[in-house]
Structures are given as C-alpha cells and as structure tokens.
PDB file of N, CA and C in Angstrom:
ATOM      1  N   MET A   1      20.561  22.021   7.684  1.00  0.00           N
ATOM      2  CA  MET A   1      22.057  21.723   7.725  1.00  0.00           C
ATOM      3  C   MET A   1      22.798  22.765   7.036  1.00  0.00           C
ATOM      4  N   LEU A   2      23.853  23.327   7.703  1.00  0.00           N
ATOM      5  CA  LEU A   2      24.702  24.345   7.219  1.00  0.00           C
ATOM      6  C   LEU A   2      25.804  23.701   6.526  1.00  0.00           C
ATOM      7  N   GLN A   3      26.150  24.139   5.259  1.00  0.00           N
ATOM      8  CA  GLN A   3      27.267  23.664   4.477  1.00  0.00           C
ATOM      9  C   GLN A   3      27.975  24.844   3.986  1.00  0.00           C
ATOM     10  N   SER A   4      29.407  24.735   3.840  1.00  0.00           N
ATOM     11  CA  SER A   4      30.219  25.805   3.326  1.00  0.00           C
ATOM     12  C   SER A   4      30.367  25.559   1.804  1.00  0.00           C
ATOM     13  N   ILE A   5      30.383  26.669   1.080  1.00  0.00           N
ATOM     14  CA  ILE A   5      30.706  26.705  -0.410  1.00  0.00           C
ATOM     15  C   ILE A   5      32.197  26.602  -0.497  1.00  0.00           C
ATOM     16  N   ARG A   6      32.562  25.558  -1.328  1.00  0.00           N
ATOM     17  CA  ARG A   6      34.018  25.347  -1.549  1.00  0.00           C
ATOM     18  C   ARG A   6      34.438  25.773  -3.032  1.00  0.00           C
ATOM     19  N   LYS A   7      35.719  26.124  -3.182  1.00  0.00           N
ATOM     20  CA  LYS A   7      36.208  26.363  -4.528  1.00  0.00           C
ATOM     21  C   LYS A   7      36.595  25.017  -5.139  1.00  0.00           C
ATOM     22  N   ILE A   8      36.078  24.738  -6.364  1.00  0.00           N
ATOM     23  CA  ILE A   8      36.375  23.387  -7.049  1.00  0.00           C
ATOM     24  C   ILE A   8      36.748  23.858  -8.420  1.00  0.00           C
ATOM     25  N   GLY A   9      38.101  23.857  -8.688  1.00  0.00           N
ATOM     26  CA  GLY A   9      38.663  24.376 -10.076  1.00  0.00           C
ATOM     27  C   GLY A   9      38.123  25.810 -10.238  1.00  0.00           C
ATOM     28  N   ASN A  10      37.521  26.109 -11.400  1.00  0.00           N
ATOM     29  CA  ASN A  10      36.980  27.433 -11.617  1.00  0.00           C
ATOM     30  C   ASN A  10      35.556  27.709 -11.180  1.00  0.00           C
ATOM     31  N   SER A  11      35.000  26.597 -10.472  1.00  0.00           N
ATOM     32  CA  SER A  11      33.646  26.698  -9.980  1.00  0.00           C
ATOM     33  C   SER A  11      33.583  26.726  -8.471  1.00  0.00           C
ATOM     34  N   ASN A  12      32.406  26.707  -8.015  1.00  0.00           N
ATOM     35  CA  ASN A  12      32.204  26.539  -6.511  1.00  0.00           C
ATOM     36  C   ASN A  12      31.357  25.281  -6.359  1.00  0.00           C
ATOM     37  N   GLY A  13      31.413  24.635  -5.142  1.00  0.00           N
ATOM     38  CA  GLY A  13      30.548  23.497  -4.908  1.00  0.00           C
ATOM     39  C   GLY A  13      30.292  23.339  -3.470  1.00  0.00           C
ATOM     40  N   VAL A  14      29.379  22.435  -3.211  1.00  0.00           N
ATOM     41  CA  VAL A  14      28.906  22.022  -1.878  1.00  0.00           C
ATOM     42  C   VAL A  14      28.874  20.554  -1.737  1.00  0.00           C
ATOM     43  N   LEU A  15      29.523  20.071  -0.680  1.00  0.00           N
ATOM     44  CA  LEU A  15      29.547  18.756  -0.368  1.00  0.00           C
ATOM     45  C   LEU A  15      28.109  18.264   0.089  1.00  0.00           C
ATOM     46  N   ILE A  16      27.590  17.112  -0.511  1.00  0.00           N
ATOM     47  CA  ILE A  16      26.248  16.671  -0.060  1.00  0.00           C
ATOM     48  C   ILE A  16      26.377  15.343   0.588  1.00  0.00           C
ATOM     49  N   PRO A  17      25.922  15.217   1.893  1.00  0.00           N
ATOM     50  CA  PRO A  17      26.161  13.934   2.607  1.00  0.00           C
ATOM     51  C   PRO A  17      25.445  12.804   1.750  1.00  0.00           C
ATOM     52  N   LYS A  18      25.974  11.681   1.771  1.00  0.00           N
ATOM     53  CA  LYS A  18      25.509  10.523   1.019  1.00  0.00           C
ATOM     54  C   LYS A  18      24.124  10.044   1.448  1.00  0.00           C
ATOM     55  N   THR A  19      23.832  10.242   2.807  1.00  0.00           N
ATOM     56  CA  THR A  19      22.495   9.856   3.253  1.00  0.00           C
ATOM     57  C   THR A  19      21.404  10.761   2.639  1.00  0.00           C
ATOM     58  N   MET A  20      21.693  12.079   2.408  1.00  0.00           N
ATOM     59  CA  MET A  20      20.748  12.956   1.703  1.00  0.00           C
ATOM     60  C   MET A  20      20.586  12.482   0.344  1.00  0.00           C
ATOM     61  N   LEU A  21      21.614  12.139  -0.404  1.00  0.00           N
ATOM     62  CA  LEU A  21      21.564  11.683  -1.760  1.00  0.00           C
ATOM     63  C   LEU A  21      20.683  10.419  -1.933  1.00  0.00           C
ATOM     64  N   ILE A  22      20.887   9.509  -1.063  1.00  0.00           N
ATOM     65  CA  ILE A  22      20.168   8.250  -1.046  1.00  0.00           C
ATOM     66  C   ILE A  22      18.683   8.435  -0.752  1.00  0.00           C
ATOM     67  N   SER A  23      18.395   9.359   0.230  1.00  0.00           N
ATOM     68  CA  SER A  23      16.913   9.649   0.545  1.00  0.00           C
ATOM     69  C   SER A  23      16.276  10.212  -0.541  1.00  0.00           C
ATOM     70  N   CYS A  24      16.957  11.003  -1.389  1.00  0.00           N
ATOM     71  CA  CYS A  24      16.293  11.632  -2.550  1.00  0.00           C
ATOM     72  C   CYS A  24      16.301  10.721  -3.866  1.00  0.00           C
ATOM     73  N   GLY A  25      16.918   9.581  -3.767  1.00  0.00           N
ATOM     74  CA  GLY A  25      17.070   8.633  -4.976  1.00  0.00           C
ATOM     75  C   GLY A  25      18.147   9.205  -5.957  1.00  0.00           C
ATOM     76  N   ILE A  26      19.046  10.008  -5.595  1.00  0.00           N
ATOM     77  CA  ILE A  26      20.047  10.491  -6.492  1.00  0.00           C
ATOM     78  C   ILE A  26      21.257   9.622  -6.410  1.00  0.00           C
ATOM     79  N   THR A  27      21.509   9.000  -7.610  1.00  0.00           N
ATOM     80  CA  THR A  27      22.634   7.993  -7.700  1.00  0.00           C
ATOM     81  C   THR A  27      23.703   8.511  -8.704  1.00  0.00           C
ATOM     82  N   GLU A  28      23.296   9.140  -9.734  1.00  0.00           N
ATOM     83  CA  GLU A  28      24.279   9.576 -10.749  1.00  0.00           C
ATOM     84  C   GLU A  28      24.038  11.079 -11.219  1.00  0.00           C
ATOM     85  N   ASP A  29      23.421  11.256 -12.301  1.00  0.00           N
ATOM     86  CA  ASP A  29      23.229  12.638 -12.797  1.00  0.00           C
ATOM     87  C   ASP A  29      22.013  13.273 -12.099  1.00  0.00           C
ATOM     88  N   VAL A  30      22.025  14.703 -12.129  1.00  0.00           N
ATOM     89  CA  VAL A  30      20.967  15.358 -11.471  1.00  0.00           C
ATOM     90  C   VAL A  30      20.495  16.438 -12.516  1.00  0.00           C
ATOM     91  N   GLU A  31      19.251  16.953 -12.225  1.00  0.00           N
ATOM     92  CA  GLU A  31      18.639  18.030 -12.976  1.00  0.00           C
ATOM     93  C   GLU A  31      18.637  19.114 -11.961  1.00  0.00           C
ATOM     94  N   MET A  32      19.154  20.285 -12.417  1.00  0.00           N
ATOM     95  CA  MET A  32      19.168  21.523 -11.514  1.00  0.00           C
ATOM     96  C   MET A  32      18.409  22.585 -12.073  1.00  0.00           C
ATOM     97  N   GLU A  33      17.714  23.389 -11.274  1.00  0.00           N
ATOM     98  CA  GLU A  33      16.932  24.536 -11.728  1.00  0.00           C
ATOM     99  C   GLU A  33      16.909  25.582 -10.556  1.00  0.00           C
ATOM    100  N   ILE A  34      16.728  26.850 -10.917  1.00  0.00           N
ATOM    101  CA  ILE A  34      16.523  27.843  -9.930  1.00  0.00           C
ATOM    102  C   ILE A  34      15.070  28.198  -9.810  1.00  0.00           C
ATOM    103  N   ILE A  35      14.481  28.034  -8.562  1.00  0.00           N
ATOM    104  CA  ILE A  35      13.045  28.387  -8.243  1.00  0.00           C
ATOM    105  C   ILE A  35      13.167  29.511  -7.131  1.00  0.00           C
ATOM    106  N   GLY A  36      12.761  30.624  -7.580  1.00  0.00           N
ATOM    107  CA  GLY A  36      12.859  31.757  -6.621  1.00  0.00           C
ATOM    108  C   GLY A  36      14.316  32.077  -6.285  1.00  0.00           C
ATOM    109  N   ASP A  37      14.597  32.050  -4.989  1.00  0.00           N
ATOM    110  CA  ASP A  37      15.958  32.185  -4.621  1.00  0.00           C
ATOM    111  C   ASP A  37      16.567  30.783  -4.134  1.00  0.00           C
ATOM    112  N   ALA A  38      16.117  29.802  -4.660  1.00  0.00           N
ATOM    113  CA  ALA A  38      16.686  28.408  -4.235  1.00  0.00           C
ATOM    114  C   ALA A  38      17.249  27.705  -5.527  1.00  0.00           C
ATOM    115  N   ILE A  39      18.094  26.895  -5.288  1.00  0.00           N
ATOM    116  CA  ILE A  39      18.771  25.974  -6.272  1.00  0.00           C
ATOM    117  C   ILE A  39      18.080  24.594  -5.946  1.00  0.00           C
ATOM    118  N   VAL A  40      17.387  24.004  -6.855  1.00  0.00           N
ATOM    119  CA  VAL A  40      16.671  22.750  -6.610  1.00  0.00           C
ATOM    120  C   VAL A  40      17.299  21.706  -7.487  1.00  0.00           C
ATOM    121  N   MET A  41      17.581  20.701  -6.868  1.00  0.00           N
ATOM    122  CA  MET A  41      18.324  19.474  -7.506  1.00  0.00           C
ATOM    123  C   MET A  41      17.432  18.315  -7.511  1.00  0.00           C
ATOM    124  N   ARG A  42      17.220  17.560  -8.597  1.00  0.00           N
ATOM    125  CA  ARG A  42      16.411  16.357  -8.563  1.00  0.00           C
ATOM    126  C   ARG A  42      17.216  15.339  -9.314  1.00  0.00           C
ATOM    127  N   ALA A  43      16.842  13.959  -8.990  1.00  0.00           N
ATOM    128  CA  ALA A  43      17.347  12.909  -9.726  1.00  0.00           C
ATOM    129  C   ALA A  43      16.929  13.098 -11.201  1.00  0.00           C
ATOM    130  N   LEU A  44      17.921  12.842 -12.097  1.00  0.00           N
ATOM    131  CA  LEU A  44      17.551  12.935 -13.519  1.00  0.00           C
ATOM    132  C   LEU A  44      16.654  11.749 -13.889  1.00  0.00           C
ATOM    133  N   LYS A  45      15.527  12.227 -14.456  1.00  0.00           N
ATOM    134  CA  LYS A  45      14.499  11.175 -14.918  1.00  0.00           C
ATOM    135  C   LYS A  45      14.968  10.713 -16.240  1.00  0.00           C
ATOM    136  N   LYS A  46      15.000   9.288 -16.357  1.00  0.00           N
ATOM    137  CA  LYS A  46      15.334   8.852 -17.759  1.00  0.00           C
ATOM    138  C   LYS A  46      14.069   8.806 -18.632  1.00  0.00           C
ATOM    139  N   HIS A  47      14.412   8.596 -19.843  1.00  0.00           N
ATOM    140  CA  HIS A  47      13.290   8.594 -20.768  1.00  0.00           C
ATOM    141  C   HIS A  47      12.316   7.393 -20.402  1.00  0.00           C
ATOM    142  N   PRO A  48      11.011   7.632 -20.486  1.00  0.00           N
ATOM    143  CA  PRO A  48      10.073   6.656 -20.051  1.00  0.00           C
ATOM    144  C   PRO A  48      10.158   5.401 -20.833  1.00  0.00           C
ATOM    145  N   ARG A  49      10.760   5.327 -21.976  1.00  0.00           N
ATOM    146  CA  ARG A  49      10.838   4.138 -22.764  1.00  0.00           C
ATOM    147  C   ARG A  49      12.141   3.419 -22.857  1.00  0.00           C
ATOM    148  N   ASP A  50      13.069   3.908 -21.822  1.00  0.00           N
ATOM    149  CA  ASP A  50      14.396   3.273 -21.778  1.00  0.00           C
ATOM    150  C   ASP A  50      14.192   1.813 -21.258  1.00  0.00           C
ATOM    151  N   GLY A  51      14.853   0.923 -21.917  1.00  0.00           N
ATOM    152  CA  GLY A  51      14.815  -0.524 -21.550  1.00  0.00           C
ATOM    153  C   GLY A  51      13.742  -1.247 -22.364  1.00  0.00           C
ATOM    154  N   TRP A  52      12.883  -0.617 -23.151  1.00  0.00           N
ATOM    155  CA  TRP A  52      11.884  -1.283 -23.779  1.00  0.00           C
ATOM    156  C   TRP A  52      12.391  -2.328 -24.796  1.00  0.00           C
ATOM    157  N   GLU A  53      13.400  -1.900 -25.508  1.00  0.00           N
ATOM    158  CA  GLU A  53      13.957  -2.707 -26.536  1.00  0.00           C
ATOM    159  C   GLU A  53      14.392  -3.950 -25.979  1.00  0.00           C
ATOM    160  N   GLU A  54      15.112  -3.967 -24.857  1.00  0.00           N
ATOM    161  CA  GLU A  54      15.643  -5.184 -24.217  1.00  0.00           C
ATOM    162  C   GLU A  54      14.483  -6.027 -23.693  1.00  0.00           C
ATOM    163  N   ALA A  55      13.451  -5.390 -23.148  1.00  0.00           N
ATOM    164  CA  ALA A  55      12.308  -6.116 -22.667  1.00  0.00           C
ATOM    165  C   ALA A  55      11.685  -6.828 -23.692  1.00  0.00           C
ATOM    166  N   PHE A  56      11.496  -6.240 -24.893  1.00  0.00           N
ATOM    167  CA  PHE A  56      10.818  -6.863 -26.015  1.00  0.00           C
ATOM    168  C   PHE A  56      11.571  -8.100 -26.535  1.00  0.00           C
ATOM    169  N   LYS A  57      12.977  -7.953 -26.543  1.00  0.00           N
ATOM    170  CA  LYS A  57      13.815  -9.000 -26.963  1.00  0.00           C
ATOM    171  C   LYS A  57      13.594 -10.185 -26.066  1.00  0.00           C
ATOM    172  N   LEU A  58      13.742  -9.939 -24.769  1.00  0.00           N
ATOM    173  CA  LEU A  58      13.478 -11.044 -23.708  1.00  0.00           C
ATOM    174  C   LEU A  58      12.075 -11.779 -23.864  1.00  0.00           C
ATOM    175  N   GLU A  59      11.064 -10.922 -24.134  1.00  0.00           N
ATOM    176  CA  GLU A  59       9.780 -11.430 -24.208  1.00  0.00           C
ATOM    177  C   GLU A  59       9.578 -12.389 -25.471  1.00  0.00           C
ATOM    178  N   THR A  60      10.184 -11.949 -26.602  1.00  0.00           N
ATOM    179  CA  THR A  60      10.050 -12.637 -27.802  1.00  0.00           C
ATOM    180  C   THR A  60      10.837 -13.996 -27.716  1.00  0.00           C
ATOM    181  N   GLU A  61      11.992 -13.919 -27.037  1.00  0.00           N
ATOM    182  CA  GLU A  61      12.829 -15.142 -26.828  1.00  0.00           C
ATOM    183  C   GLU A  61      12.054 -16.183 -25.906  1.00  0.00           C
ATOM    184  N   ASN A  62      11.327 -15.597 -24.873  1.00  0.00           N
ATOM    185  CA  ASN A  62      10.629 -16.517 -23.965  1.00  0.00           C
ATOM    186  C   ASN A  62       9.382 -17.193 -24.666  1.00  0.00           C
ATOM    187  N   GLN A  63       8.913 -16.597 -25.747  1.00  0.00           N
ATOM    188  CA  GLN A  63       7.713 -17.108 -26.372  1.00  0.00           C
ATOM    189  C   GLN A  63       8.107 -18.101 -27.496  1.00  0.00           C
ATOM    190  N   SER A  64       9.393 -18.222 -27.774  1.00  0.00           N
ATOM    191  CA  SER A  64       9.891 -19.044 -28.877  1.00  0.00           C
ATOM    192  C   SER A  64       9.256 -18.674 -30.264  1.00  0.00           C
ATOM    193  N   GLY A  65       9.028 -17.363 -30.477  1.00  0.00           N
ATOM    194  CA  GLY A  65       8.600 -16.928 -31.752  1.00  0.00           C
ATOM    195  C   GLY A  65       7.120 -17.083 -31.998  1.00  0.00           C
ATOM    196  N   ILE A  66       6.397 -17.647 -31.101  1.00  0.00           N
ATOM    197  CA  ILE A  66       4.891 -17.858 -31.201  1.00  0.00           C
ATOM    198  C   ILE A  66       4.268 -16.591 -31.026  1.00  0.00           C
ATOM    199  N   GLU A  67       3.408 -16.218 -32.044  1.00  0.00           N
ATOM    200  CA  GLU A  67       2.480 -15.062 -31.976  1.00  0.00           C
ATOM    201  C   GLU A  67       1.049 -15.471 -31.892  1.00  0.00           C
ATOM    202  N   THR A  68       0.297 -14.801 -31.074  1.00  0.00           N
ATOM    203  CA  THR A  68      -1.124 -15.081 -31.058  1.00  0.00           C
ATOM    204  C   THR A  68      -1.873 -13.891 -31.433  1.00  0.00           C
ATOM    205  N   ASP A  69      -3.111 -14.119 -32.078  1.00  0.00           N
ATOM    206  CA  ASP A  69      -3.992 -13.051 -32.459  1.00  0.00           C
ATOM    207  C   ASP A  69      -4.905 -12.739 -31.185  1.00  0.00           C
ATOM    208  N   LEU A  70      -4.660 -11.597 -30.509  1.00  0.00           N
ATOM    209  CA  LEU A  70      -5.389 -11.423 -29.428  1.00  0.00           C
ATOM    210  C   LEU A  70      -6.920 -11.069 -29.669  1.00  0.00           C
ATOM    211  N   PHE A  71      -7.255 -10.818 -30.956  1.00  0.00           N
ATOM    212  CA  PHE A  71      -8.554 -10.459 -31.336  1.00  0.00           C
ATOM    213  C   PHE A  71      -9.255 -11.673 -31.985  1.00  0.00           C
ATOM    214  N   GLU A  72      -8.602 -12.784 -31.972  1.00  0.00           N
ATOM    215  CA  GLU A  72      -9.264 -13.988 -32.573  1.00  0.00           C
ATOM    216  C   GLU A  72     -10.621 -14.251 -31.906  1.00  0.00           C
ATOM    217  N   GLY A  73     -11.614 -14.446 -32.743  1.00  0.00           N
ATOM    218  CA  GLY A  73     -12.923 -14.811 -32.197  1.00  0.00           C
ATOM    219  C   GLY A  73     -13.772 -13.505 -31.800  1.00  0.00           C
ATOM    220  N   MET A  74     -13.132 -12.322 -31.907  1.00  0.00           N
ATOM    221  CA  MET A  74     -13.848 -11.149 -31.517  1.00  0.00           C
ATOM    222  C   MET A  74     -14.368 -10.420 -32.695  1.00  0.00           C
ATOM    223  N   LYS A  75     -15.643 -10.324 -32.962  1.00  0.00           N
ATOM    224  CA  LYS A  75     -16.228  -9.613 -34.010  1.00  0.00           C
ATOM    225  C   LYS A  75     -17.094  -8.470 -33.570  1.00  0.00           C
ATOM    226  N   ASN A  76     -17.252  -7.523 -34.542  1.00  0.00           N
ATOM    227  CA  ASN A  76     -18.140  -6.420 -34.250  1.00  0.00           C
ATOM    228  C   ASN A  76     -19.040  -6.388 -35.467  1.00  0.00           C
ATOM    229  N   GLU A  77     -19.974  -5.388 -35.420  1.00  0.00           N
ATOM    230  CA  GLU A  77     -20.932  -5.229 -36.539  1.00  0.00           C
ATOM    231  C   GLU A  77     -20.340  -5.014 -37.850  1.00  0.00           C
ATOM    232  N   PHE A  78     -19.216  -4.239 -37.993  1.00  0.00           N
ATOM    233  CA  PHE A  78     -18.566  -4.029 -39.188  1.00  0.00           C
ATOM    234  C   PHE A  78     -18.087  -5.361 -39.801  1.00  0.00           C
ATOM    235  N   ASP A  79     -17.483  -6.197 -38.969  1.00  0.00           N
ATOM    236  CA  ASP A  79     -17.026  -7.499 -39.439  1.00  0.00           C
ATOM    237  C   ASP A  79     -18.072  -8.300 -40.016  1.00  0.00           C
ATOM    238  N   LYS A  80     -19.292  -8.278 -39.335  1.00  0.00           N
ATOM    239  CA  LYS A  80     -20.375  -9.144 -39.728  1.00  0.00           C
ATOM    240  C   LYS A  80     -21.104  -8.596 -40.982  1.00  0.00           C
ATOM    241  N   GLU A  81     -21.192  -7.238 -41.147  1.00  0.00           N
ATOM    242  CA  GLU A  81     -22.014  -6.778 -42.300  1.00  0.00           C
ATOM    243  C   GLU A  81     -21.304  -6.156 -43.394  1.00  0.00           C
ATOM    244  N   ASP A  82     -20.266  -5.275 -43.109  1.00  0.00           N
ATOM    245  CA  ASP A  82     -19.578  -4.440 -44.073  1.00  0.00           C
ATOM    246  C   ASP A  82     -18.274  -5.010 -44.694  1.00  0.00           C
ATOM    247  N   TRP A  83     -17.724  -5.864 -44.060  1.00  0.00           N
ATOM    248  CA  TRP A  83     -16.286  -6.340 -44.534  1.00  0.00           C
ATOM    249  C   TRP A  83     -16.553  -7.347 -45.701  1.00  0.00           C
ATOM    250  N   ASN A  84     -15.845  -7.165 -46.716  1.00  0.00           N
ATOM    251  CA  ASN A  84     -15.937  -8.096 -47.840  1.00  0.00           C
ATOM    252  C   ASN A  84     -14.479  -8.569 -48.148  1.00  0.00           C
ATOM    253  N   TRP A  85     -14.310  -9.776 -48.398  1.00  0.00           N
ATOM    254  CA  TRP A  85     -13.016 -10.379 -48.738  1.00  0.00           C
ATOM    255  C   TRP A  85     -12.980 -10.373 -50.307  1.00  0.00           C
TER     256      TRP A  85
END
C-alpha cells in the first residue's frame, strides 16, 4: 500500500488505515523501532502483571475471607523425622 508522508506540526506522519491497526491489535500506544531500513511499529505490550491487584481483590471478596492450607495433609521425610516443635 502506498501512502504519502504528510506534514503534522513540526513533524511528519503517515495516515494508517483503521483496518490495518485492528488487524495488528493496535488500539492505543505503539512501540516503534528501526530495523535495517524499516520503521517497525507494534502494539505496546503492557506489564505482565497489570491487573493482578484487582484480580486478587475480586478473588478474596469471592472467598469471603476463607483461606485454606493447600499443603494440609502433605508431609515429606523432613516433616516426619527432622522437624521438632
């Protein structure tokens, strides 16, 4: 696809068709880099743990504050022989 470079303020820009942005998953911010003689633009990856805090809050609200010991009933040799109270 051929596009013209346009003057935008003190910079230059290219209009990108909406269908191209959607097909690449670009909705807001992008990451740009130069590879060889090409400008590569990718959807900005968010931090892998974004949203974890909200998810933990929802999960604890759904459990009504009940915590369970996932290791209850599981013992190993250390527990049987070496552990002293």
